[in-house]
C-alpha atoms as a PDB file:
ATOM      1  CA  MET A   1      81.260  39.397 -51.267  1.00  0.00           C
ATOM      2  CA  GLY A   2      80.456  42.809 -49.983  1.00  0.00           C
ATOM      3  CA  ALA A   3      77.673  43.758 -47.698  1.00  0.00           C
ATOM      4  CA  GLY A   4      74.639  45.236 -49.366  1.00  0.00           C
ATOM      5  CA  PRO A   5      72.867  48.376 -48.290  1.00  0.00           C
ATOM      6  CA  ARG A   6      70.985  48.141 -45.035  1.00  0.00           C
ATOM      7  CA  PRO A   7      67.249  48.634 -45.165  1.00  0.00           C
ATOM      8  CA  PRO A   8      66.139  51.803 -43.396  1.00  0.00           C
ATOM      9  CA  GLU A   9      65.375  51.504 -39.705  1.00  0.00           C
ATOM     10  CA  PRO A  10      61.716  51.952 -38.847  1.00  0.00           C
ATOM     11  CA  SER A  11      61.031  55.235 -37.117  1.00  0.00           C
ATOM     12  CA  ARG A  12      60.348  55.388 -33.405  1.00  0.00           C
ATOM     13  CA  ALA A  13      56.687  56.193 -34.130  1.00  0.00           C
ATOM     14  CA  ARG A  14      56.319  53.125 -36.367  1.00  0.00           C
ATOM     15  CA  ARG A  15      57.864  50.905 -33.715  1.00  0.00           C
ATOM     16  CA  GLY A  16      55.553  52.429 -31.115  1.00  0.00           C
ATOM     17  CA  PHE A  17      52.439  51.785 -33.217  1.00  0.00           C
ATOM     18  CA  LEU A  18      53.537  48.229 -33.903  1.00  0.00           C
ATOM     19  CA  PHE A  19      54.104  47.626 -30.191  1.00  0.00           C
ATOM     20  CA  LEU A  20      50.675  49.044 -29.261  1.00  0.00           C
ATOM     21  CA  ILE A  21      48.885  47.074 -31.980  1.00  0.00           C
ATOM     22  CA  VAL A  22      50.480  43.781 -30.924  1.00  0.00           C
ATOM     23  CA  PHE A  23      49.941  44.507 -27.225  1.00  0.00           C
ATOM     24  CA  LEU A  24      46.272  45.425 -27.609  1.00  0.00           C
ATOM     25  CA  TRP A  25      45.687  42.513 -29.968  1.00  0.00           C
ATOM     26  CA  GLN A  26      47.055  39.911 -27.571  1.00  0.00           C
ATOM     27  CA  VAL A  27      45.157  40.869 -24.382  1.00  0.00           C
ATOM     28  CA  PRO A  28      41.800  39.284 -25.373  1.00  0.00           C
ATOM     29  CA  HIS A  29      43.575  36.249 -26.841  1.00  0.00           C
ATOM     30  CA  PHE A  30      45.535  35.696 -23.633  1.00  0.00           C
ATOM     31  CA  LEU A  31      42.395  36.064 -21.501  1.00  0.00           C
ATOM     32  CA  ALA A  32      40.405  33.679 -23.709  1.00  0.00           C
ATOM     33  CA  ILE A  33      43.116  31.023 -23.460  1.00  0.00           C
ATOM     34  CA  ALA A  34      43.350  31.586 -19.700  1.00  0.00           C
ATOM     35  CA  TRP A  35      39.568  31.139 -19.482  1.00  0.00           C
ATOM     36  CA  LEU A  36      39.662  27.877 -21.430  1.00  0.00           C
ATOM     37  CA  LEU A  37      42.507  26.523 -19.265  1.00  0.00           C
ATOM     38  CA  ARG A  38      41.352  27.983 -15.928  1.00  0.00           C
ATOM     39  CA  GLU A  39      41.190  24.564 -14.224  1.00  0.00           C
ATOM     40  CA  ASP A  40      44.803  23.865 -15.206  1.00  0.00           C
ATOM     41  CA  TYR A  41      45.918  27.262 -13.899  1.00  0.00           C
ATOM     42  CA  ALA A  42      44.019  26.646 -10.637  1.00  0.00           C
ATOM     43  CA  ARG A  43      45.637  23.232 -10.185  1.00  0.00           C
ATOM     44  CA  GLY A  44      49.039  24.791 -10.808  1.00  0.00           C
ATOM     45  CA  GLY A  45      48.405  27.483  -8.206  1.00  0.00           C
ATOM     46  CA  PHE A  46      48.520  30.390 -10.661  1.00  0.00           C
ATOM     47  CA  ARG A  47      46.428  33.367  -9.581  1.00  0.00           C
ATOM     48  CA  MET A  48      44.923  34.265 -12.931  1.00  0.00           C
ATOM     49  CA  LEU A  49      41.945  36.542 -13.510  1.00  0.00           C
ATOM     50  CA  SER A  50      40.058  33.545 -14.914  1.00  0.00           C
ATOM     51  CA  VAL A  51      40.809  31.497 -11.772  1.00  0.00           C
ATOM     52  CA  GLU A  52      39.811  34.258  -9.344  1.00  0.00           C
ATOM     53  CA  ASP A  53      36.481  34.864 -11.142  1.00  0.00           C
ATOM     54  CA  PRO A  54      34.834  31.503 -11.903  1.00  0.00           C
ATOM     55  CA  ARG A  55      31.867  33.133 -13.670  1.00  0.00           C
ATOM     56  CA  GLY A  56      34.169  34.808 -16.188  1.00  0.00           C
ATOM     57  CA  GLU A  57      32.805  38.318 -15.744  1.00  0.00           C
ATOM     58  CA  ALA A  58      36.163  39.991 -15.034  1.00  0.00           C
ATOM     59  CA  PRO A  59      38.151  38.416 -17.908  1.00  0.00           C
ATOM     60  CA  ALA A  60      35.294  39.109 -20.308  1.00  0.00           C
ATOM     61  CA  ALA A  61      35.028  42.740 -19.220  1.00  0.00           C
ATOM     62  CA  THR A  62      38.788  43.180 -19.393  1.00  0.00           C
ATOM     63  CA  SER A  63      38.923  41.685 -22.868  1.00  0.00           C
ATOM     64  CA  ARG A  64      36.453  44.266 -24.201  1.00  0.00           C
ATOM     65  CA  TRP A  65      38.587  47.386 -23.751  1.00  0.00           C
ATOM     66  CA  ALA A  66      41.529  46.165 -25.813  1.00  0.00           C
ATOM     67  CA  PRO A  67      39.803  45.892 -29.223  1.00  0.00           C
ATOM     68  CA  LEU A  68      38.034  49.181 -28.623  1.00  0.00           C
ATOM     69  CA  ALA A  69      41.388  50.822 -27.868  1.00  0.00           C
ATOM     70  CA  LEU A  70      42.939  49.005 -30.826  1.00  0.00           C
ATOM     71  CA  LEU A  71      40.590  50.665 -33.300  1.00  0.00           C
ATOM     72  CA  PRO A  72      42.039  54.199 -33.135  1.00  0.00           C
ATOM     73  CA  VAL A  73      45.577  52.902 -32.598  1.00  0.00           C
ATOM     74  CA  SER A  74      45.420  50.740 -35.715  1.00  0.00           C
ATOM     75  CA  LEU A  75      43.934  53.523 -37.854  1.00  0.00           C
ATOM     76  CA  LEU A  76      46.272  56.288 -36.721  1.00  0.00           C
ATOM     77  CA  PRO A  77      49.242  55.205 -38.902  1.00  0.00           C
ATOM     78  CA  THR A  78      47.154  55.871 -42.031  1.00  0.00           C
ATOM     79  CA  LEU A  79      45.951  59.215 -40.721  1.00  0.00           C
ATOM     80  CA  LEU A  80      49.600  60.173 -40.131  1.00  0.00           C
ATOM     81  CA  GLY A  81      50.595  59.149 -43.674  1.00  0.00           C
ATOM     82  CA  MET A  82      52.542  56.036 -42.674  1.00  0.00           C
ATOM     83  CA  THR A  83      50.316  53.527 -44.517  1.00  0.00           C
ATOM     84  CA  GLY A  84      47.890  53.526 -47.406  1.00  0.00           C
ATOM     85  CA  SER A  85      44.152  53.224 -47.782  1.00  0.00           C
ATOM     86  CA  ALA A  86      44.250  49.426 -48.211  1.00  0.00           C
ATOM     87  CA  TYR A  87      45.754  49.116 -44.741  1.00  0.00           C
ATOM     88  CA  PHE A  88      43.219  51.595 -43.328  1.00  0.00           C
ATOM     89  CA  PHE A  89      40.155  49.731 -44.592  1.00  0.00           C
ATOM     90  CA  GLY A  90      41.627  46.331 -43.761  1.00  0.00           C
ATOM     91  CA  ALA A  91      42.454  47.446 -40.218  1.00  0.00           C
ATOM     92  CA  LEU A  92      39.029  49.032 -39.847  1.00  0.00           C
ATOM     93  CA  ALA A  93      37.170  45.877 -40.938  1.00  0.00           C
ATOM     94  CA  LEU A  94      39.299  43.424 -38.964  1.00  0.00           C
ATOM     95  CA  THR A  95      39.397  45.499 -35.784  1.00  0.00           C
ATOM     96  CA  ALA A  96      35.632  46.088 -35.934  1.00  0.00           C
ATOM     97  CA  ALA A  97      35.085  42.324 -36.274  1.00  0.00           C
ATOM     98  CA  PHE A  98      37.512  41.695 -33.422  1.00  0.00           C
ATOM     99  CA  ALA A  99      35.659  44.184 -31.204  1.00  0.00           C
ATOM    100  CA  ALA A 100      32.313  42.593 -32.079  1.00  0.00           C
ATOM    101  CA  LEU A 101      33.623  39.152 -31.128  1.00  0.00           C
ATOM    102  CA  ALA A 102      35.108  40.466 -27.883  1.00  0.00           C
ATOM    103  CA  CYS A 103      31.815  42.140 -26.990  1.00  0.00           C
ATOM    104  CA  GLY A 104      30.083  38.811 -27.593  1.00  0.00           C
ATOM    105  CA  TRP A 105      32.075  37.102 -24.834  1.00  0.00           C
ATOM    106  CA  ARG A 106      30.705  37.613 -21.343  1.00  0.00           C
ATOM    107  CA  GLY A 107      31.559  34.581 -19.289  1.00  0.00           C
ATOM    108  CA  GLY A 108      29.839  32.300 -21.762  1.00  0.00           C
ATOM    109  CA  ARG A 109      26.876  34.635 -22.375  1.00  0.00           C
ATOM    110  CA  PRO A 110      26.860  36.688 -25.585  1.00  0.00           C
ATOM    111  CA  THR A 111      26.300  40.338 -24.746  1.00  0.00           C
ATOM    112  CA  CYS A 112      28.168  43.609 -24.647  1.00  0.00           C
ATOM    113  CA  ALA A 113      25.932  45.352 -22.118  1.00  0.00           C
ATOM    114  CA  PRO A 114      27.496  45.797 -18.655  1.00  0.00           C
ATOM    115  CA  ASP A 115      24.371  44.578 -16.850  1.00  0.00           C
ATOM    116  CA  GLY A 116      24.142  41.317 -18.810  1.00  0.00           C
ATOM    117  CA  SER A 117      21.184  42.305 -20.986  1.00  0.00           C
ATOM    118  CA  SER A 118      21.324  41.902 -24.754  1.00  0.00           C
END
């Protein structure tokens, strides 16, 4: 049995976009889990953002920038000809929904305004 042809290696740009998309996607998820388990982290002595800020303002504010940064990063591969229109519109819809959900989390109060107003 011979070895078959190797699939082409993804370009450096594709790997970079994939890294950025995964990185920006996981920040709000990590902070939300840390917020839900903040008592466990405190008992374990971990200095987490959710432990240091019991009201949840800092983790909520930090979790807002990632989906907003993810929007252009996730759309750029299509604009550079790396993906098709189905990916573009899917990424646009899902990232917009993700950003809306992240803006709705403010330490237990739904708002995206910095002063706490709706």
